[in-house]
């Protein structure tokens, strides 16, 4: 997909990609540059679900985030 770079050097991640990766407003992404391939790689930043504090009351958003993390880990390990 082609996206435009704004004057502040920002790009918008297309809806289809955001939804597939579970990226929401306020989330962080990791950006790297692959010199060999000459490409920018954007990956959702995911806290490991094991870092959530035991005994903490989880919100529906926390649970959804954990589910997305596990799905992401499973997809990238197979």
PDB file of N, CA and C in Angstrom:
ATOM      1  N   UNK A   1       0.841  -1.181   0.000  1.00  0.00           N
ATOM      2  CA  UNK A   1       0.000   0.000   0.000  1.00  0.00           C
ATOM      3  C   UNK A   1       0.882   1.239   0.000  1.00  0.00           C
ATOM      4  N   UNK A   2       0.420   2.230  -0.630  1.00  0.00           N
ATOM      5  CA  UNK A   2       1.161   3.482  -0.688  1.00  0.00           C
ATOM      6  C   UNK A   2       0.480   4.490   0.236  1.00  0.00           C
ATOM      7  N   UNK A   3       1.287   5.153   1.073  1.00  0.00           N
ATOM      8  CA  UNK A   3       0.773   6.205   1.947  1.00  0.00           C
ATOM      9  C   UNK A   3       1.647   7.441   1.784  1.00  0.00           C
ATOM     10  N   UNK A   4       1.092   8.582   2.136  1.00  0.00           N
ATOM     11  CA  UNK A   4       1.796   9.848   1.974  1.00  0.00           C
ATOM     12  C   UNK A   4       2.488  10.239   3.278  1.00  0.00           C
ATOM     13  N   UNK A   5       3.686  10.785   3.151  1.00  0.00           N
ATOM     14  CA  UNK A   5       4.417  11.315   4.297  1.00  0.00           C
ATOM     15  C   UNK A   5       3.986  12.774   4.463  1.00  0.00           C
ATOM     16  N   UNK A   6       3.532  13.144   5.675  1.00  0.00           N
ATOM     17  CA  UNK A   6       3.096  14.520   5.923  1.00  0.00           C
ATOM     18  C   UNK A   6       4.302  15.422   6.155  1.00  0.00           C
ATOM     19  N   UNK A   7       4.045  16.709   6.270  1.00  0.00           N
ATOM     20  CA  UNK A   7       5.145  17.657   6.477  1.00  0.00           C
ATOM     21  C   UNK A   7       5.866  17.426   7.803  1.00  0.00           C
ATOM     22  N   UNK A   8       5.214  16.757   8.741  1.00  0.00           N
ATOM     23  CA  UNK A   8       5.857  16.405  10.015  1.00  0.00           C
ATOM     24  C   UNK A   8       6.487  15.015   9.960  1.00  0.00           C
ATOM     25  N   UNK A   9       6.632  14.488   8.757  1.00  0.00           N
ATOM     26  CA  UNK A   9       7.218  13.164   8.514  1.00  0.00           C
ATOM     27  C   UNK A   9       6.429  12.048   9.182  1.00  0.00           C
ATOM     28  N   UNK A  10       5.116  12.202   9.201  1.00  0.00           N
ATOM     29  CA  UNK A  10       4.234  11.180   9.752  1.00  0.00           C
ATOM     30  C   UNK A  10       3.551  10.445   8.608  1.00  0.00           C
ATOM     31  N   UNK A  11       3.220   9.175   8.877  1.00  0.00           N
ATOM     32  CA  UNK A  11       2.446   8.389   7.921  1.00  0.00           C
ATOM     33  C   UNK A  11       1.267   7.779   8.659  1.00  0.00           C
ATOM     34  N   UNK A  12       0.208   7.511   7.928  1.00  0.00           N
ATOM     35  CA  UNK A  12      -0.964   6.860   8.498  1.00  0.00           C
ATOM     36  C   UNK A  12      -0.918   5.386   8.134  1.00  0.00           C
ATOM     37  N   UNK A  13      -1.069   4.533   9.150  1.00  0.00           N
ATOM     38  CA  UNK A  13      -1.120   3.095   8.896  1.00  0.00           C
ATOM     39  C   UNK A  13      -2.526   2.788   8.404  1.00  0.00           C
ATOM     40  N   UNK A  14      -2.656   2.204   7.219  1.00  0.00           N
ATOM     41  CA  UNK A  14      -3.982   1.927   6.662  1.00  0.00           C
ATOM     42  C   UNK A  14      -4.836   1.061   7.593  1.00  0.00           C
ATOM     43  N   UNK A  15      -6.139   1.308   7.571  1.00  0.00           N
ATOM     44  CA  UNK A  15      -7.092   0.617   8.436  1.00  0.00           C
ATOM     45  C   UNK A  15      -6.941  -0.894   8.374  1.00  0.00           C
ATOM     46  N   UNK A  16      -6.849  -1.448   7.179  1.00  0.00           N
ATOM     47  CA  UNK A  16      -6.752  -2.903   7.028  1.00  0.00           C
ATOM     48  C   UNK A  16      -5.559  -3.467   7.805  1.00  0.00           C
ATOM     49  N   UNK A  17      -4.430  -2.787   7.732  1.00  0.00           N
ATOM     50  CA  UNK A  17      -3.231  -3.253   8.434  1.00  0.00           C
ATOM     51  C   UNK A  17      -3.379  -3.047   9.934  1.00  0.00           C
ATOM     52  N   UNK A  18      -3.888  -1.879  10.352  1.00  0.00           N
ATOM     53  CA  UNK A  18      -4.098  -1.617  11.790  1.00  0.00           C
ATOM     54  C   UNK A  18      -4.988  -2.673  12.403  1.00  0.00           C
ATOM     55  N   UNK A  19      -6.074  -2.998  11.721  1.00  0.00           N
ATOM     56  CA  UNK A  19      -7.021  -3.979  12.261  1.00  0.00           C
ATOM     57  C   UNK A  19      -6.400  -5.364  12.346  1.00  0.00           C
ATOM     58  N   UNK A  20      -5.656  -5.755  11.328  1.00  0.00           N
ATOM     59  CA  UNK A  20      -5.022  -7.079  11.331  1.00  0.00           C
ATOM     60  C   UNK A  20      -3.995  -7.203  12.451  1.00  0.00           C
ATOM     61  N   UNK A  21      -3.327  -6.096  12.765  1.00  0.00           N
ATOM     62  CA  UNK A  21      -2.294  -6.120  13.799  1.00  0.00           C
ATOM     63  C   UNK A  21      -2.814  -5.712  15.172  1.00  0.00           C
ATOM     64  N   UNK A  22      -4.065  -5.264  15.238  1.00  0.00           N
ATOM     65  CA  UNK A  22      -4.640  -4.865  16.518  1.00  0.00           C
ATOM     66  C   UNK A  22      -4.047  -3.581  17.071  1.00  0.00           C
ATOM     67  N   UNK A  23      -3.613  -2.687  16.186  1.00  0.00           N
ATOM     68  CA  UNK A  23      -3.025  -1.417  16.615  1.00  0.00           C
ATOM     69  C   UNK A  23      -4.142  -0.417  16.868  1.00  0.00           C
ATOM     70  N   UNK A  24      -4.072   0.229  18.039  1.00  0.00           N
ATOM     71  CA  UNK A  24      -5.090   1.217  18.417  1.00  0.00           C
ATOM     72  C   UNK A  24      -4.444   2.565  18.701  1.00  0.00           C
ATOM     73  N   UNK A  25      -5.258   3.590  18.783  1.00  0.00           N
ATOM     74  CA  UNK A  25      -4.776   4.918  19.134  1.00  0.00           C
ATOM     75  C   UNK A  25      -4.059   4.824  20.478  1.00  0.00           C
ATOM     76  N   UNK A  26      -2.878   5.402  20.555  1.00  0.00           N
ATOM     77  CA  UNK A  26      -2.108   5.394  21.794  1.00  0.00           C
ATOM     78  C   UNK A  26      -1.131   4.231  21.908  1.00  0.00           C
ATOM     79  N   UNK A  27      -1.261   3.229  21.032  1.00  0.00           N
ATOM     80  CA  UNK A  27      -0.323   2.106  21.040  1.00  0.00           C
ATOM     81  C   UNK A  27       1.039   2.573  20.531  1.00  0.00           C
ATOM     82  N   UNK A  28       2.057   1.815  20.868  1.00  0.00           N
ATOM     83  CA  UNK A  28       3.396   2.071  20.367  1.00  0.00           C
ATOM     84  C   UNK A  28       3.733   1.060  19.279  1.00  0.00           C
ATOM     85  N   UNK A  29       4.599   1.472  18.363  1.00  0.00           N
ATOM     86  CA  UNK A  29       5.114   0.558  17.348  1.00  0.00           C
ATOM     87  C   UNK A  29       6.637   0.660  17.365  1.00  0.00           C
ATOM     88  N   UNK A  30       7.292  -0.425  17.003  1.00  0.00           N
ATOM     89  CA  UNK A  30       8.743  -0.433  16.836  1.00  0.00           C
ATOM     90  C   UNK A  30       9.033  -0.198  15.362  1.00  0.00           C
ATOM     91  N   UNK A  31       9.951   0.718  15.078  1.00  0.00           N
ATOM     92  CA  UNK A  31      10.332   1.008  13.705  1.00  0.00           C
ATOM     93  C   UNK A  31      11.819   0.712  13.553  1.00  0.00           C
ATOM     94  N   UNK A  32      12.145  -0.096  12.548  1.00  0.00           N
ATOM     95  CA  UNK A  32      13.542  -0.410  12.262  1.00  0.00           C
ATOM     96  C   UNK A  32      13.791  -0.215  10.777  1.00  0.00           C
ATOM     97  N   UNK A  33      15.051  -0.085  10.445  1.00  0.00           N
ATOM     98  CA  UNK A  33      15.451   0.060   9.048  1.00  0.00           C
ATOM     99  C   UNK A  33      16.346  -1.114   8.688  1.00  0.00           C
ATOM    100  N   UNK A  34      15.976  -1.843   7.665  1.00  0.00           N
ATOM    101  CA  UNK A  34      16.772  -2.961   7.169  1.00  0.00           C
ATOM    102  C   UNK A  34      17.649  -2.424   6.043  1.00  0.00           C
ATOM    103  N   UNK A  35      18.923  -2.189   6.371  1.00  0.00           N
ATOM    104  CA  UNK A  35      19.840  -1.606   5.393  1.00  0.00           C
ATOM    105  C   UNK A  35      20.039  -2.500   4.181  1.00  0.00           C
ATOM    106  N   UNK A  36      20.106  -3.786   4.409  1.00  0.00           N
ATOM    107  CA  UNK A  36      20.339  -4.738   3.316  1.00  0.00           C
ATOM    108  C   UNK A  36      19.207  -4.684   2.290  1.00  0.00           C
ATOM    109  N   UNK A  37      17.968  -4.654   2.791  1.00  0.00           N
ATOM    110  CA  UNK A  37      16.800  -4.634   1.906  1.00  0.00           C
ATOM    111  C   UNK A  37      16.370  -3.220   1.529  1.00  0.00           C
ATOM    112  N   UNK A  38      16.838  -2.218   2.302  1.00  0.00           N
ATOM    113  CA  UNK A  38      16.449  -0.836   2.041  1.00  0.00           C
ATOM    114  C   UNK A  38      14.997  -0.554   2.357  1.00  0.00           C
ATOM    115  N   UNK A  39      14.487  -1.196   3.438  1.00  0.00           N
ATOM    116  CA  UNK A  39      13.079  -1.019   3.796  1.00  0.00           C
ATOM    117  C   UNK A  39      12.941  -0.626   5.262  1.00  0.00           C
ATOM    118  N   UNK A  40      11.861   0.062   5.546  1.00  0.00           N
ATOM    119  CA  UNK A  40      11.480   0.392   6.916  1.00  0.00           C
ATOM    120  C   UNK A  40      10.502  -0.678   7.372  1.00  0.00           C
ATOM    121  N   UNK A  41      10.709  -1.181   8.577  1.00  0.00           N
ATOM    122  CA  UNK A  41       9.833  -2.212   9.125  1.00  0.00           C
ATOM    123  C   UNK A  41       9.129  -1.642  10.351  1.00  0.00           C
ATOM    124  N   UNK A  42       7.804  -1.732  10.351  1.00  0.00           N
ATOM    125  CA  UNK A  42       7.000  -1.256  11.479  1.00  0.00           C
ATOM    126  C   UNK A  42       6.316  -2.463  12.097  1.00  0.00           C
ATOM    127  N   UNK A  43       6.559  -2.660  13.396  1.00  0.00           N
ATOM    128  CA  UNK A  43       5.941  -3.773  14.122  1.00  0.00           C
ATOM    129  C   UNK A  43       5.221  -3.225  15.341  1.00  0.00           C
ATOM    130  N   UNK A  44       4.068  -3.803  15.676  1.00  0.00           N
ATOM    131  CA  UNK A  44       3.409  -3.372  16.906  1.00  0.00           C
ATOM    132  C   UNK A  44       4.298  -3.701  18.096  1.00  0.00           C
ATOM    133  N   UNK A  45       4.415  -2.764  19.020  1.00  0.00           N
ATOM    134  CA  UNK A  45       5.150  -3.028  20.254  1.00  0.00           C
ATOM    135  C   UNK A  45       4.207  -3.771  21.177  1.00  0.00           C
ATOM    136  N   UNK A  46       4.629  -4.905  21.633  1.00  0.00           N
ATOM    137  CA  UNK A  46       3.789  -5.727  22.501  1.00  0.00           C
ATOM    138  C   UNK A  46       4.510  -6.016  23.801  1.00  0.00           C
ATOM    139  N   UNK A  47       3.866  -5.644  24.900  1.00  0.00           N
ATOM    140  CA  UNK A  47       4.375  -6.096  26.187  1.00  0.00           C
ATOM    141  C   UNK A  47       4.072  -7.579  26.264  1.00  0.00           C
ATOM    142  N   UNK A  48       4.962  -8.323  26.841  1.00  0.00           N
ATOM    143  CA  UNK A  48       4.682  -9.740  27.049  1.00  0.00           C
ATOM    144  C   UNK A  48       3.516  -9.850  28.020  1.00  0.00           C
ATOM    145  N   UNK A  49       2.566 -10.713  27.702  1.00  0.00           N
ATOM    146  CA  UNK A  49       1.386 -10.835  28.563  1.00  0.00           C
ATOM    147  C   UNK A  49       1.779 -11.298  29.946  1.00  0.00           C
ATOM    148  N   UNK A  50       2.944 -11.940  30.068  1.00  0.00           N
ATOM    149  CA  UNK A  50       3.396 -12.413  31.377  1.00  0.00           C
ATOM    150  C   UNK A  50       3.833 -11.273  32.286  1.00  0.00           C
ATOM    151  N   UNK A  51       3.955 -10.053  31.742  1.00  0.00           N
ATOM    152  CA  UNK A  51       4.370  -8.930  32.571  1.00  0.00           C
ATOM    153  C   UNK A  51       3.204  -8.282  33.309  1.00  0.00           C
ATOM    154  N   UNK A  52       1.985  -8.695  32.990  1.00  0.00           N
ATOM    155  CA  UNK A  52       0.845  -8.136  33.706  1.00  0.00           C
ATOM    156  C   UNK A  52       0.896  -8.595  35.166  1.00  0.00           C
ATOM    157  N   UNK A  53       0.619  -7.696  36.067  1.00  0.00           N
ATOM    158  CA  UNK A  53       0.718  -7.986  37.489  1.00  0.00           C
ATOM    159  C   UNK A  53      -0.355  -8.965  37.928  1.00  0.00           C
ATOM    160  N   UNK A  54       0.087 -10.012  38.615  1.00  0.00           N
ATOM    161  CA  UNK A  54      -0.875 -10.963  39.169  1.00  0.00           C
ATOM    162  C   UNK A  54      -1.706 -10.259  40.231  1.00  0.00           C
ATOM    163  N   UNK A  55      -2.969 -10.561  40.269  1.00  0.00           N
ATOM    164  CA  UNK A  55      -3.850  -9.949  41.256  1.00  0.00           C
ATOM    165  C   UNK A  55      -4.445  -8.634  40.796  1.00  0.00           C
ATOM    166  N   UNK A  56      -3.948  -8.086  39.705  1.00  0.00           N
ATOM    167  CA  UNK A  56      -4.491  -6.835  39.178  1.00  0.00           C
ATOM    168  C   UNK A  56      -5.838  -7.128  38.538  1.00  0.00           C
ATOM    169  N   UNK A  57      -6.810  -6.284  38.810  1.00  0.00           N
ATOM    170  CA  UNK A  57      -8.110  -6.435  38.163  1.00  0.00           C
ATOM    171  C   UNK A  57      -7.962  -6.012  36.709  1.00  0.00           C
ATOM    172  N   UNK A  58      -8.215  -6.953  35.805  1.00  0.00           N
ATOM    173  CA  UNK A  58      -8.052  -6.678  34.385  1.00  0.00           C
ATOM    174  C   UNK A  58      -9.318  -6.065  33.799  1.00  0.00           C
ATOM    175  N   UNK A  59      -9.128  -5.070  32.963  1.00  0.00           N
ATOM    176  CA  UNK A  59     -10.241  -4.452  32.248  1.00  0.00           C
ATOM    177  C   UNK A  59     -10.481  -5.248  30.964  1.00  0.00           C
ATOM    178  N   UNK A  60     -11.627  -5.046  30.322  1.00  0.00           N
ATOM    179  CA  UNK A  60     -11.843  -5.702  29.023  1.00  0.00           C
ATOM    180  C   UNK A  60     -10.745  -5.350  28.014  1.00  0.00           C
ATOM    181  N   UNK A  61     -10.229  -4.125  28.083  1.00  0.00           N
ATOM    182  CA  UNK A  61      -9.152  -3.715  27.180  1.00  0.00           C
ATOM    183  C   UNK A  61      -7.877  -4.498  27.473  1.00  0.00           C
ATOM    184  N   UNK A  62      -7.582  -4.728  28.773  1.00  0.00           N
ATOM    185  CA  UNK A  62      -6.409  -5.532  29.143  1.00  0.00           C
ATOM    186  C   UNK A  62      -6.524  -6.938  28.571  1.00  0.00           C
ATOM    187  N   UNK A  63      -7.699  -7.523  28.717  1.00  0.00           N
ATOM    188  CA  UNK A  63      -7.922  -8.890  28.235  1.00  0.00           C
ATOM    189  C   UNK A  63      -7.776  -8.946  26.719  1.00  0.00           C
ATOM    190  N   UNK A  64      -8.349  -7.966  26.025  1.00  0.00           N
ATOM    191  CA  UNK A  64      -8.230  -7.927  24.567  1.00  0.00           C
ATOM    192  C   UNK A  64      -6.768  -7.775  24.152  1.00  0.00           C
ATOM    193  N   UNK A  65      -6.021  -6.940  24.880  1.00  0.00           N
ATOM    194  CA  UNK A  65      -4.599  -6.747  24.581  1.00  0.00           C
ATOM    195  C   UNK A  65      -3.828  -8.053  24.771  1.00  0.00           C
ATOM    196  N   UNK A  66      -4.113  -8.782  25.842  1.00  0.00           N
ATOM    197  CA  UNK A  66      -3.446 -10.061  26.096  1.00  0.00           C
ATOM    198  C   UNK A  66      -3.756 -11.045  24.969  1.00  0.00           C
ATOM    199  N   UNK A  67      -5.013 -11.112  24.568  1.00  0.00           N
ATOM    200  CA  UNK A  67      -5.412 -12.010  23.477  1.00  0.00           C
ATOM    201  C   UNK A  67      -4.668 -11.648  22.195  1.00  0.00           C
ATOM    202  N   UNK A  68      -4.597 -10.356  21.877  1.00  0.00           N
ATOM    203  CA  UNK A  68      -3.889  -9.914  20.671  1.00  0.00           C
ATOM    204  C   UNK A  68      -2.405 -10.260  20.738  1.00  0.00           C
ATOM    205  N   UNK A  69      -1.800 -10.116  21.931  1.00  0.00           N
ATOM    206  CA  UNK A  69      -0.388 -10.450  22.097  1.00  0.00           C
ATOM    207  C   UNK A  69      -0.141 -11.931  21.855  1.00  0.00           C
ATOM    208  N   UNK A  70      -0.999 -12.771  22.420  1.00  0.00           N
ATOM    209  CA  UNK A  70      -0.837 -14.216  22.252  1.00  0.00           C
ATOM    210  C   UNK A  70      -1.025 -14.596  20.782  1.00  0.00           C
ATOM    211  N   UNK A  71      -2.017 -14.007  20.127  1.00  0.00           N
ATOM    212  CA  UNK A  71      -2.230 -14.281  18.700  1.00  0.00           C
ATOM    213  C   UNK A  71      -1.016 -13.857  17.879  1.00  0.00           C
ATOM    214  N   UNK A  72      -0.478 -12.685  18.191  1.00  0.00           N
ATOM    215  CA  UNK A  72       0.690 -12.168  17.477  1.00  0.00           C
ATOM    216  C   UNK A  72       1.888 -13.090  17.680  1.00  0.00           C
ATOM    217  N   UNK A  73       2.121 -13.505  18.930  1.00  0.00           N
ATOM    218  CA  UNK A  73       3.235 -14.409  19.223  1.00  0.00           C
ATOM    219  C   UNK A  73       3.062 -15.735  18.495  1.00  0.00           C
ATOM    220  N   UNK A  74       1.846 -16.266  18.508  1.00  0.00           N
ATOM    221  CA  UNK A  74       1.586 -17.539  17.827  1.00  0.00           C
ATOM    222  C   UNK A  74       1.797 -17.416  16.321  1.00  0.00           C
ATOM    223  N   UNK A  75       1.338 -16.321  15.744  1.00  0.00           N
ATOM    224  CA  UNK A  75       1.473 -16.126  14.297  1.00  0.00           C
ATOM    225  C   UNK A  75       2.936 -15.999  13.885  1.00  0.00           C
ATOM    226  N   UNK A  76       3.751 -15.426  14.755  1.00  0.00           N
ATOM    227  CA  UNK A  76       5.154 -15.209  14.414  1.00  0.00           C
ATOM    228  C   UNK A  76       6.063 -16.359  14.813  1.00  0.00           C
ATOM    229  N   UNK A  77       5.526 -17.337  15.506  1.00  0.00           N
ATOM    230  CA  UNK A  77       6.326 -18.491  15.915  1.00  0.00           C
ATOM    231  C   UNK A  77       6.052 -19.712  15.059  1.00  0.00           C
ATOM    232  N   UNK A  78       5.158 -19.578  14.084  1.00  0.00           N
ATOM    233  CA  UNK A  78       4.829 -20.733  13.233  1.00  0.00           C
ATOM    234  C   UNK A  78       5.136 -20.445  11.797  1.00  0.00           C
TER     235      UNK A  78
END
